Amino acid sequence: MTDLRRVPVDEVLERVETALGTPLDRATVVRKRRSVGVGTGRGTWVRIERRGLDRIGVQGGDGTSSAEALHGIAKPAWLAATAWRDDAEPVVWRADETELLPSAPVGSAVVAENPDLPPDWWSALNTSLDALARQRTNRIATPDTETITQELVTQTISQVFAGIDAVVNQWCPAHGDLNWANVTAPGFCIFDWEDWGMAPRGLDAATLWAASLAVPALADRVRAERSGDFASREGQLMTLFVAAKILGPHAHPEDPRRAGARALAEQVVKQLQAD
């Protein structure tokens, strides 16, 4: 898979400038594995994503623009977009222009230090996640760009935790990639909505918990703030779902999150088997 942190993107930026009709400020470029972010000459932000056709699915890769219909959630407004198929590879490029973020991202996807977020930040997070869960969509979330289905949940969990009944009964809208690189502070918002859609209840809470495990106090805070999600059967399954990715056969053996993931997962397995 092409890593956009390691390949030239000048031609891509030039194409986006032409399509959106605004210069892009090269000094603001932020590169991630499959996306590039950059500020514009009109005071907005553009996120450019490279996604294989096999990862587009029936939803068309328009997560950011379709999320504009969501209400009650702190997120930057979507303004415009352009998309095209790569000339040489089975890949779609898409650039979405949005309002600027109110503050900087909290950190990288997985944090190693406690960001010490104030109570009003957690309140804003809860308000947005609760509002998101009350809405409905025909989209299906694509965590790690893979459509989340009952089959995927069962397969992922069973690779590490045998004998668990992983049938999901409660589905609701989720961001799908809720980590510390996709939320801002001190001004709160959630951004990068490319993967949002219906998912088992608790996916977002479990994903943020997994991204916090290198800082046990932060992981505990996530569980306390989203206690309703984690107490639900689906939230327990999503805890095992994300823990399996940390503990599974393809995980990094020196991941600092492993001990925390295994400790809680063992508790959850006992709870599920007792019910």
C-alpha atoms as a PDB file:
ATOM      1  CA  MET A   1       0.000   0.000   0.000  1.00  0.00           C
ATOM      2  CA  THR A   2       1.342   3.431  -0.971  1.00  0.00           C
ATOM      3  CA  ASP A   3       2.324   5.576   2.011  1.00  0.00           C
ATOM      4  CA  LEU A   4       1.678   9.254   1.219  1.00  0.00           C
ATOM      5  CA  ARG A   5       4.296  10.276   3.768  1.00  0.00           C
ATOM      6  CA  ARG A   6       6.951   8.826   1.500  1.00  0.00           C
ATOM      7  CA  VAL A   7       5.959   9.644  -2.086  1.00  0.00           C
ATOM      8  CA  PRO A   8       5.802  12.939  -4.033  1.00  0.00           C
ATOM      9  CA  VAL A   9       2.372  14.605  -4.019  1.00  0.00           C
ATOM     10  CA  ASP A  10       3.134  17.833  -5.914  1.00  0.00           C
ATOM     11  CA  GLU A  11       1.086  16.846  -8.971  1.00  0.00           C
ATOM     12  CA  VAL A  12      -1.853  15.894  -6.760  1.00  0.00           C
ATOM     13  CA  LEU A  13      -1.746  19.261  -4.975  1.00  0.00           C
ATOM     14  CA  GLU A  14      -1.602  21.105  -8.291  1.00  0.00           C
ATOM     15  CA  ARG A  15      -4.620  19.206  -9.582  1.00  0.00           C
ATOM     16  CA  VAL A  16      -6.610  20.040  -6.439  1.00  0.00           C
ATOM     17  CA  GLU A  17      -5.662  23.717  -6.696  1.00  0.00           C
ATOM     18  CA  THR A  18      -7.022  23.849 -10.223  1.00  0.00           C
ATOM     19  CA  ALA A  19     -10.213  21.951  -9.421  1.00  0.00           C
ATOM     20  CA  LEU A  20     -11.091  23.926  -6.271  1.00  0.00           C
ATOM     21  CA  GLY A  21      -9.891  27.258  -7.600  1.00  0.00           C
ATOM     22  CA  THR A  22      -7.650  28.193  -4.688  1.00  0.00           C
ATOM     23  CA  PRO A  23      -3.896  28.029  -3.992  1.00  0.00           C
ATOM     24  CA  LEU A  24      -2.714  25.522  -1.390  1.00  0.00           C
ATOM     25  CA  ASP A  25      -0.222  26.622   1.243  1.00  0.00           C
ATOM     26  CA  ARG A  26       2.639  24.134   0.996  1.00  0.00           C
ATOM     27  CA  ALA A  27       3.981  25.277   4.387  1.00  0.00           C
ATOM     28  CA  THR A  28       0.889  23.826   6.083  1.00  0.00           C
ATOM     29  CA  VAL A  29       0.991  20.363   4.500  1.00  0.00           C
ATOM     30  CA  VAL A  30       0.352  17.493   6.931  1.00  0.00           C
ATOM     31  CA  ARG A  31       1.055  14.010   5.605  1.00  0.00           C
ATOM     32  CA  LYS A  32      -0.480  10.798   6.875  1.00  0.00           C
ATOM     33  CA  ARG A  33      -0.298   7.267   5.535  1.00  0.00           C
ATOM     34  CA  ARG A  34      -3.282   7.561   3.196  1.00  0.00           C
ATOM     35  CA  SER A  35      -4.144  11.254   3.280  1.00  0.00           C
ATOM     36  CA  VAL A  36      -2.637  14.725   2.964  1.00  0.00           C
ATOM     37  CA  GLY A  37      -4.046  17.850   4.626  1.00  0.00           C
ATOM     38  CA  VAL A  38      -3.273  21.407   3.576  1.00  0.00           C
ATOM     39  CA  GLY A  39      -4.531  24.942   4.149  1.00  0.00           C
ATOM     40  CA  THR A  40      -5.908  27.052   1.299  1.00  0.00           C
ATOM     41  CA  GLY A  41      -5.542  30.632   0.195  1.00  0.00           C
ATOM     42  CA  ARG A  42      -9.133  31.351   1.229  1.00  0.00           C
ATOM     43  CA  GLY A  43      -8.743  30.291   4.837  1.00  0.00           C
ATOM     44  CA  THR A  44     -10.118  26.767   4.586  1.00  0.00           C
ATOM     45  CA  TRP A  45      -8.665  23.267   4.869  1.00  0.00           C
ATOM     46  CA  VAL A  46      -8.418  20.507   2.278  1.00  0.00           C
ATOM     47  CA  ARG A  47      -8.036  16.814   3.046  1.00  0.00           C
ATOM     48  CA  ILE A  48      -6.854  14.691   0.118  1.00  0.00           C
ATOM     49  CA  GLU A  49      -7.268  10.937   0.365  1.00  0.00           C
ATOM     50  CA  ARG A  50      -5.970   8.094  -1.786  1.00  0.00           C
ATOM     51  CA  ARG A  51      -8.242   5.038  -1.571  1.00  0.00           C
ATOM     52  CA  GLY A  52      -8.193   1.850  -3.645  1.00  0.00           C
ATOM     53  CA  LEU A  53     -11.280   1.000  -5.659  1.00  0.00           C
ATOM     54  CA  ASP A  54     -11.618  -2.174  -3.588  1.00  0.00           C
ATOM     55  CA  ARG A  55     -11.994   0.046  -0.502  1.00  0.00           C
ATOM     56  CA  ILE A  56     -14.625   2.356  -1.959  1.00  0.00           C
ATOM     57  CA  GLY A  57     -17.558  -0.031  -1.679  1.00  0.00           C
ATOM     58  CA  VAL A  58     -21.133   0.922  -2.493  1.00  0.00           C
ATOM     59  CA  GLN A  59     -20.894   4.165  -0.520  1.00  0.00           C
ATOM     60  CA  GLY A  60     -18.659   5.903  -3.014  1.00  0.00           C
ATOM     61  CA  GLY A  61     -16.094   7.349  -0.622  1.00  0.00           C
ATOM     62  CA  ASP A  62     -18.089  10.518   0.101  1.00  0.00           C
ATOM     63  CA  GLY A  63     -18.042  10.308   3.890  1.00  0.00           C
ATOM     64  CA  THR A  64     -17.082  13.909   4.585  1.00  0.00           C
ATOM     65  CA  SER A  65     -19.733  15.444   2.341  1.00  0.00           C
ATOM     66  CA  SER A  66     -22.489  13.064   3.489  1.00  0.00           C
ATOM     67  CA  ALA A  67     -21.657  13.838   7.138  1.00  0.00           C
ATOM     68  CA  GLU A  68     -22.792  17.407   6.477  1.00  0.00           C
ATOM     69  CA  ALA A  69     -26.363  16.135   6.992  1.00  0.00           C
ATOM     70  CA  LEU A  70     -25.590  15.141  10.593  1.00  0.00           C
ATOM     71  CA  HIS A  71     -26.735  17.570  13.281  1.00  0.00           C
ATOM     72  CA  GLY A  72     -25.830  18.258  16.895  1.00  0.00           C
ATOM     73  CA  ILE A  73     -22.191  17.281  16.366  1.00  0.00           C
ATOM     74  CA  ALA A  74     -19.162  19.551  16.690  1.00  0.00           C
ATOM     75  CA  LYS A  75     -17.403  19.213  13.331  1.00  0.00           C
ATOM     76  CA  PRO A  76     -16.055  21.520  10.619  1.00  0.00           C
ATOM     77  CA  ALA A  77     -18.572  22.360   7.885  1.00  0.00           C
ATOM     78  CA  TRP A  78     -18.018  20.737   4.498  1.00  0.00           C
ATOM     79  CA  LEU A  79     -17.718  23.209   1.600  1.00  0.00           C
ATOM     80  CA  ALA A  80     -16.625  21.519  -1.639  1.00  0.00           C
ATOM     81  CA  ALA A  81     -14.960  18.466  -3.146  1.00  0.00           C
ATOM     82  CA  THR A  82     -13.254  17.065  -6.226  1.00  0.00           C
ATOM     83  CA  ALA A  83     -12.453  13.457  -7.098  1.00  0.00           C
ATOM     84  CA  TRP A  84     -10.792  11.520  -9.904  1.00  0.00           C
ATOM     85  CA  ARG A  85      -9.523   8.072 -10.787  1.00  0.00           C
ATOM     86  CA  ASP A  86      -5.775   7.581 -10.954  1.00  0.00           C
ATOM     87  CA  ASP A  87      -4.420   7.142 -14.471  1.00  0.00           C
ATOM     88  CA  ALA A  88      -2.031   4.336 -13.548  1.00  0.00           C
ATOM     89  CA  GLU A  89      -3.566   2.444 -10.620  1.00  0.00           C
ATOM     90  CA  PRO A  90      -7.037   1.248  -9.477  1.00  0.00           C
ATOM     91  CA  VAL A  91      -7.199   4.154  -7.046  1.00  0.00           C
ATOM     92  CA  VAL A  92      -9.552   7.067  -6.426  1.00  0.00           C
ATOM     93  CA  TRP A  93      -8.240  10.420  -5.224  1.00  0.00           C
ATOM     94  CA  ARG A  94     -10.690  12.685  -3.396  1.00  0.00           C
ATOM     95  CA  ALA A  95     -10.172  16.166  -1.946  1.00  0.00           C
ATOM     96  CA  ASP A  96     -12.691  17.640   0.505  1.00  0.00           C
ATOM     97  CA  GLU A  97     -12.611  21.296   1.493  1.00  0.00           C
ATOM     98  CA  THR A  98     -13.916  22.190   4.949  1.00  0.00           C
ATOM     99  CA  GLU A  99     -13.810  24.985   7.478  1.00  0.00           C
ATOM    100  CA  LEU A 100     -10.624  25.277   9.483  1.00  0.00           C
ATOM    101  CA  LEU A 101     -10.461  23.318  12.726  1.00  0.00           C
ATOM    102  CA  PRO A 102     -11.171  25.345  15.890  1.00  0.00           C
ATOM    103  CA  SER A 103      -7.956  24.057  17.504  1.00  0.00           C
ATOM    104  CA  ALA A 104      -5.113  21.673  16.797  1.00  0.00           C
ATOM    105  CA  PRO A 105      -5.552  17.880  16.921  1.00  0.00           C
ATOM    106  CA  VAL A 106      -5.056  16.480  20.410  1.00  0.00           C
ATOM    107  CA  GLY A 107      -2.147  14.335  19.249  1.00  0.00           C
ATOM    108  CA  SER A 108      -1.215  11.415  17.067  1.00  0.00           C
ATOM    109  CA  ALA A 109      -3.692   8.580  16.613  1.00  0.00           C
ATOM    110  CA  VAL A 110      -2.259   6.768  19.651  1.00  0.00           C
ATOM    111  CA  VAL A 111      -1.023   9.016  22.452  1.00  0.00           C
ATOM    112  CA  ALA A 112       1.865   8.376  24.833  1.00  0.00           C
ATOM    113  CA  GLU A 113       1.138  11.240  27.238  1.00  0.00           C
ATOM    114  CA  ASN A 114      -2.039  12.367  28.974  1.00  0.00           C
ATOM    115  CA  PRO A 115      -3.431  15.467  27.221  1.00  0.00           C
ATOM    116  CA  ASP A 116      -5.148  16.536  30.506  1.00  0.00           C
ATOM    117  CA  LEU A 117      -8.396  17.576  28.878  1.00  0.00           C
ATOM    118  CA  PRO A 118     -10.810  19.740  30.917  1.00  0.00           C
ATOM    119  CA  PRO A 119     -14.327  18.650  31.947  1.00  0.00           C
ATOM    120  CA  ASP A 120     -16.006  20.795  29.273  1.00  0.00           C
ATOM    121  CA  TRP A 121     -14.009  18.964  26.586  1.00  0.00           C
ATOM    122  CA  TRP A 122     -15.348  15.610  27.762  1.00  0.00           C
ATOM    123  CA  SER A 123     -18.832  17.058  27.942  1.00  0.00           C
ATOM    124  CA  ALA A 124     -18.565  18.198  24.325  1.00  0.00           C
ATOM    125  CA  LEU A 125     -17.336  14.759  23.274  1.00  0.00           C
ATOM    126  CA  ASN A 126     -20.272  13.079  24.982  1.00  0.00           C
ATOM    127  CA  THR A 127     -22.763  15.514  23.476  1.00  0.00           C
ATOM    128  CA  SER A 128     -21.479  14.846  19.965  1.00  0.00           C
ATOM    129  CA  LEU A 129     -21.285  11.057  20.309  1.00  0.00           C
ATOM    130  CA  ASP A 130     -24.748  10.884  21.863  1.00  0.00           C
ATOM    131  CA  ALA A 131     -26.172  13.041  19.055  1.00  0.00           C
ATOM    132  CA  LEU A 132     -24.464  10.886  16.440  1.00  0.00           C
ATOM    133  CA  ALA A 133     -25.897   7.678  17.900  1.00  0.00           C
ATOM    134  CA  ARG A 134     -29.469   9.027  17.695  1.00  0.00           C
ATOM    135  CA  GLN A 135     -29.298   9.522  13.929  1.00  0.00           C
ATOM    136  CA  ARG A 136     -29.765   7.057  11.092  1.00  0.00           C
ATOM    137  CA  THR A 137     -28.071   6.418   7.782  1.00  0.00           C
ATOM    138  CA  ASN A 138     -27.801   3.767   5.101  1.00  0.00           C
ATOM    139  CA  ARG A 139     -24.016   4.089   5.220  1.00  0.00           C
ATOM    140  CA  ILE A 140     -21.929   1.356   6.884  1.00  0.00           C
ATOM    141  CA  ALA A 141     -18.828   2.365   8.830  1.00  0.00           C
ATOM    142  CA  THR A 142     -15.441   1.363   7.410  1.00  0.00           C
ATOM    143  CA  PRO A 143     -12.916   1.270  10.278  1.00  0.00           C
ATOM    144  CA  ASP A 144      -9.427   0.808   8.834  1.00  0.00           C
ATOM    145  CA  THR A 145     -11.208   1.253   5.442  1.00  0.00           C
ATOM    146  CA  GLU A 146     -12.865  -2.174   5.864  1.00  0.00           C
ATOM    147  CA  THR A 147     -16.676  -2.341   5.908  1.00  0.00           C
ATOM    148  CA  ILE A 148     -17.793  -3.486   9.343  1.00  0.00           C
ATOM    149  CA  THR A 149     -20.162  -6.436   9.096  1.00  0.00           C
ATOM    150  CA  GLN A 150     -21.300  -9.177  11.426  1.00  0.00           C
ATOM    151  CA  GLU A 151     -18.904 -11.504   9.647  1.00  0.00           C
ATOM    152  CA  LEU A 152     -15.951  -9.141  10.211  1.00  0.00           C
ATOM    153  CA  VAL A 153     -16.806  -8.712  13.896  1.00  0.00           C
ATOM    154  CA  THR A 154     -17.079 -12.457  14.456  1.00  0.00           C
ATOM    155  CA  GLN A 155     -13.912 -13.244  12.510  1.00  0.00           C
ATOM    156  CA  THR A 156     -11.801 -10.560  14.207  1.00  0.00           C
ATOM    157  CA  ILE A 157     -12.882 -11.494  17.726  1.00  0.00           C
ATOM    158  CA  SER A 158     -12.602 -15.260  17.209  1.00  0.00           C
ATOM    159  CA  GLN A 159      -8.976 -14.957  16.078  1.00  0.00           C
ATOM    160  CA  VAL A 160      -8.008 -14.077  19.642  1.00  0.00           C
ATOM    161  CA  PHE A 161     -10.991 -14.877  21.870  1.00  0.00           C
ATOM    162  CA  ALA A 162     -12.431 -18.291  21.087  1.00  0.00           C
ATOM    163  CA  GLY A 163     -15.933 -19.327  22.055  1.00  0.00           C
ATOM    164  CA  ILE A 164     -17.487 -15.839  22.195  1.00  0.00           C
ATOM    165  CA  ASP A 165     -20.995 -15.335  20.834  1.00  0.00           C
ATOM    166  CA  ALA A 166     -20.269 -12.187  18.817  1.00  0.00           C
ATOM    167  CA  VAL A 167     -23.741 -11.586  17.374  1.00  0.00           C
ATOM    168  CA  VAL A 168     -24.491  -7.846  17.320  1.00  0.00           C
ATOM    169  CA  ASN A 169     -28.079  -6.695  17.865  1.00  0.00           C
ATOM    170  CA  GLN A 170     -27.673  -2.948  18.348  1.00  0.00           C
ATOM    171  CA  TRP A 171     -26.252  -0.836  15.510  1.00  0.00           C
ATOM    172  CA  CYS A 172     -26.016   2.961  15.405  1.00  0.00           C
ATOM    173  CA  PRO A 173     -24.050   5.625  13.501  1.00  0.00           C
ATOM    174  CA  ALA A 174     -20.362   5.878  14.372  1.00  0.00           C
ATOM    175  CA  HIS A 175     -17.449   8.023  13.238  1.00  0.00           C
ATOM    176  CA  GLY A 176     -15.493   4.841  12.536  1.00  0.00           C
ATOM    177  CA  ASP A 177     -12.005   6.236  13.177  1.00  0.00           C
ATOM    178  CA  LEU A 178     -12.249   8.036  16.519  1.00  0.00           C
ATOM    179  CA  ASN A 179      -8.669   8.470  17.679  1.00  0.00           C
ATOM    180  CA  TRP A 180      -6.642  11.353  19.112  1.00  0.00           C
ATOM    181  CA  ALA A 181      -5.536  12.586  15.694  1.00  0.00           C
ATOM    182  CA  ASN A 182      -9.165  13.184  14.680  1.00  0.00           C
ATOM    183  CA  VAL A 183     -10.329  15.322  17.616  1.00  0.00           C
ATOM    184  CA  THR A 184      -9.205  18.820  18.573  1.00  0.00           C
ATOM    185  CA  ALA A 185      -8.500  20.699  21.821  1.00  0.00           C
ATOM    186  CA  PRO A 186      -8.988  23.004  23.590  1.00  0.00           C
ATOM    187  CA  GLY A 187     -11.741  23.869  21.117  1.00  0.00           C
ATOM    188  CA  PHE A 188     -13.513  20.574  20.548  1.00  0.00           C
ATOM    189  CA  CYS A 189     -14.532  19.058  17.239  1.00  0.00           C
ATOM    190  CA  ILE A 190     -14.428  15.708  15.481  1.00  0.00           C
ATOM    191  CA  PHE A 191     -13.070  15.665  11.936  1.00  0.00           C
ATOM    192  CA  ASP A 192     -12.102  13.237   9.136  1.00  0.00           C
ATOM    193  CA  TRP A 193     -15.528  11.673   8.541  1.00  0.00           C
ATOM    194  CA  GLU A 194     -14.525   9.480   5.597  1.00  0.00           C
ATOM    195  CA  ASP A 195     -15.343   6.221   7.385  1.00  0.00           C
ATOM    196  CA  TRP A 196     -18.563   7.051   9.243  1.00  0.00           C
ATOM    197  CA  GLY A 197     -21.707   4.918   9.082  1.00  0.00           C
ATOM    198  CA  MET A 198     -23.706   2.317  10.972  1.00  0.00           C
ATOM    199  CA  ALA A 199     -21.674   0.147  13.343  1.00  0.00           C
ATOM    200  CA  PRO A 200     -22.163  -1.868  16.516  1.00  0.00           C
ATOM    201  CA  ARG A 201     -22.848   0.376  19.496  1.00  0.00           C
ATOM    202  CA  GLY A 202     -19.627   1.286  21.270  1.00  0.00           C
ATOM    203  CA  LEU A 203     -17.262   1.149  18.291  1.00  0.00           C
ATOM    204  CA  ASP A 204     -16.180   4.777  18.712  1.00  0.00           C
ATOM    205  CA  ALA A 205     -15.782   4.508  22.476  1.00  0.00           C
ATOM    206  CA  ALA A 206     -13.754   1.312  22.159  1.00  0.00           C
ATOM    207  CA  THR A 207     -11.595   2.793  19.402  1.00  0.00           C
ATOM    208  CA  LEU A 208     -10.764   5.860  21.501  1.00  0.00           C
ATOM    209  CA  TRP A 209     -10.073   3.624  24.499  1.00  0.00           C
ATOM    210  CA  ALA A 210      -7.665   1.536  22.421  1.00  0.00           C
ATOM    211  CA  ALA A 211      -5.887   4.705  21.286  1.00  0.00           C
ATOM    212  CA  SER A 212      -5.433   5.660  24.969  1.00  0.00           C
ATOM    213  CA  LEU A 213      -4.074   2.420  26.412  1.00  0.00           C
ATOM    214  CA  ALA A 214      -0.461   3.622  26.574  1.00  0.00           C
ATOM    215  CA  VAL A 215      -1.754   6.127  29.175  1.00  0.00           C
ATOM    216  CA  PRO A 216      -3.803   4.019  31.636  1.00  0.00           C
ATOM    217  CA  ALA A 217      -5.407   7.022  33.343  1.00  0.00           C
ATOM    218  CA  LEU A 218      -6.631   8.317  29.991  1.00  0.00           C
ATOM    219  CA  ALA A 219      -7.978   4.913  28.982  1.00  0.00           C
ATOM    220  CA  ASP A 220      -9.836   4.760  32.297  1.00  0.00           C
ATOM    221  CA  ARG A 221     -11.266   8.235  31.679  1.00  0.00           C
ATOM    222  CA  VAL A 222     -12.589   7.193  28.273  1.00  0.00           C
ATOM    223  CA  ARG A 223     -14.292   4.191  29.849  1.00  0.00           C
ATOM    224  CA  ALA A 224     -15.792   6.336  32.595  1.00  0.00           C
ATOM    225  CA  GLU A 225     -17.093   8.986  30.208  1.00  0.00           C
ATOM    226  CA  ARG A 226     -18.621   6.403  27.844  1.00  0.00           C
ATOM    227  CA  SER A 227     -19.693   3.975  30.551  1.00  0.00           C
ATOM    228  CA  GLY A 228     -23.089   3.352  28.959  1.00  0.00           C
ATOM    229  CA  ASP A 229     -21.474   2.170  25.753  1.00  0.00           C
ATOM    230  CA  PHE A 230     -18.963  -0.058  27.513  1.00  0.00           C
ATOM    231  CA  ALA A 231     -21.630  -1.599  29.766  1.00  0.00           C
ATOM    232  CA  SER A 232     -23.758  -2.683  26.808  1.00  0.00           C
ATOM    233  CA  ARG A 233     -23.263  -6.105  25.261  1.00  0.00           C
ATOM    234  CA  GLU A 234     -22.283  -4.470  21.969  1.00  0.00           C
ATOM    235  CA  GLY A 235     -19.789  -2.257  23.796  1.00  0.00           C
ATOM    236  CA  GLN A 236     -18.237  -5.346  25.327  1.00  0.00           C
ATOM    237  CA  LEU A 237     -17.971  -6.943  21.904  1.00  0.00           C
ATOM    238  CA  MET A 238     -16.397  -3.799  20.465  1.00  0.00           C
ATOM    239  CA  THR A 239     -13.872  -3.843  23.314  1.00  0.00           C
ATOM    240  CA  LEU A 240     -12.861  -7.335  22.200  1.00  0.00           C
ATOM    241  CA  PHE A 241     -12.963  -6.265  18.542  1.00  0.00           C
ATOM    242  CA  VAL A 242     -10.384  -3.494  19.018  1.00  0.00           C
ATOM    243  CA  ALA A 243      -8.381  -5.485  21.581  1.00  0.00           C
ATOM    244  CA  ALA A 244      -8.067  -8.320  19.077  1.00  0.00           C
ATOM    245  CA  LYS A 245      -6.321  -5.968  16.662  1.00  0.00           C
ATOM    246  CA  ILE A 246      -3.772  -5.118  19.359  1.00  0.00           C
ATOM    247  CA  LEU A 247      -3.303  -8.711  20.525  1.00  0.00           C
ATOM    248  CA  GLY A 248      -3.843 -10.641  17.301  1.00  0.00           C
ATOM    249  CA  PRO A 249      -1.360 -12.495  15.085  1.00  0.00           C
ATOM    250  CA  HIS A 250      -0.544  -9.427  12.976  1.00  0.00           C
ATOM    251  CA  ALA A 251      -0.099  -7.016  15.899  1.00  0.00           C
ATOM    252  CA  HIS A 252       3.236  -5.527  16.960  1.00  0.00           C
ATOM    253  CA  PRO A 253       4.643  -7.618  19.835  1.00  0.00           C
ATOM    254  CA  GLU A 254       6.076  -4.540  21.583  1.00  0.00           C
ATOM    255  CA  ASP A 255       2.940  -2.391  21.363  1.00  0.00           C
ATOM    256  CA  PRO A 256       2.739  -0.630  24.778  1.00  0.00           C
ATOM    257  CA  ARG A 257      -1.028  -1.065  24.731  1.00  0.00           C
ATOM    258  CA  ARG A 258      -0.945  -4.856  24.871  1.00  0.00           C
ATOM    259  CA  ALA A 259      -0.993  -5.290  28.646  1.00  0.00           C
ATOM    260  CA  GLY A 260      -3.924  -2.940  29.133  1.00  0.00           C
ATOM    261  CA  ALA A 261      -5.850  -4.441  26.250  1.00  0.00           C
ATOM    262  CA  ARG A 262      -5.380  -7.984  27.519  1.00  0.00           C
ATOM    263  CA  ALA A 263      -6.314  -7.120  31.119  1.00  0.00           C
ATOM    264  CA  LEU A 264      -9.674  -5.588  30.216  1.00  0.00           C
ATOM    265  CA  ALA A 265     -10.369  -8.138  27.481  1.00  0.00           C
ATOM    266  CA  GLU A 266     -10.019 -10.981  29.979  1.00  0.00           C
ATOM    267  CA  GLN A 267     -12.577  -9.284  32.239  1.00  0.00           C
ATOM    268  CA  VAL A 268     -14.967  -8.774  29.329  1.00  0.00           C
ATOM    269  CA  VAL A 269     -14.653 -12.397  28.205  1.00  0.00           C
ATOM    270  CA  LYS A 270     -15.622 -13.560  31.698  1.00  0.00           C
ATOM    271  CA  GLN A 271     -18.621 -11.202  31.745  1.00  0.00           C
ATOM    272  CA  LEU A 272     -19.864 -12.351  28.353  1.00  0.00           C
ATOM    273  CA  GLN A 273     -19.452 -16.012  29.215  1.00  0.00           C
ATOM    274  CA  ALA A 274     -21.316 -15.507  32.501  1.00  0.00           C
ATOM    275  CA  ASP A 275     -24.330 -13.831  30.854  1.00  0.00           C
END
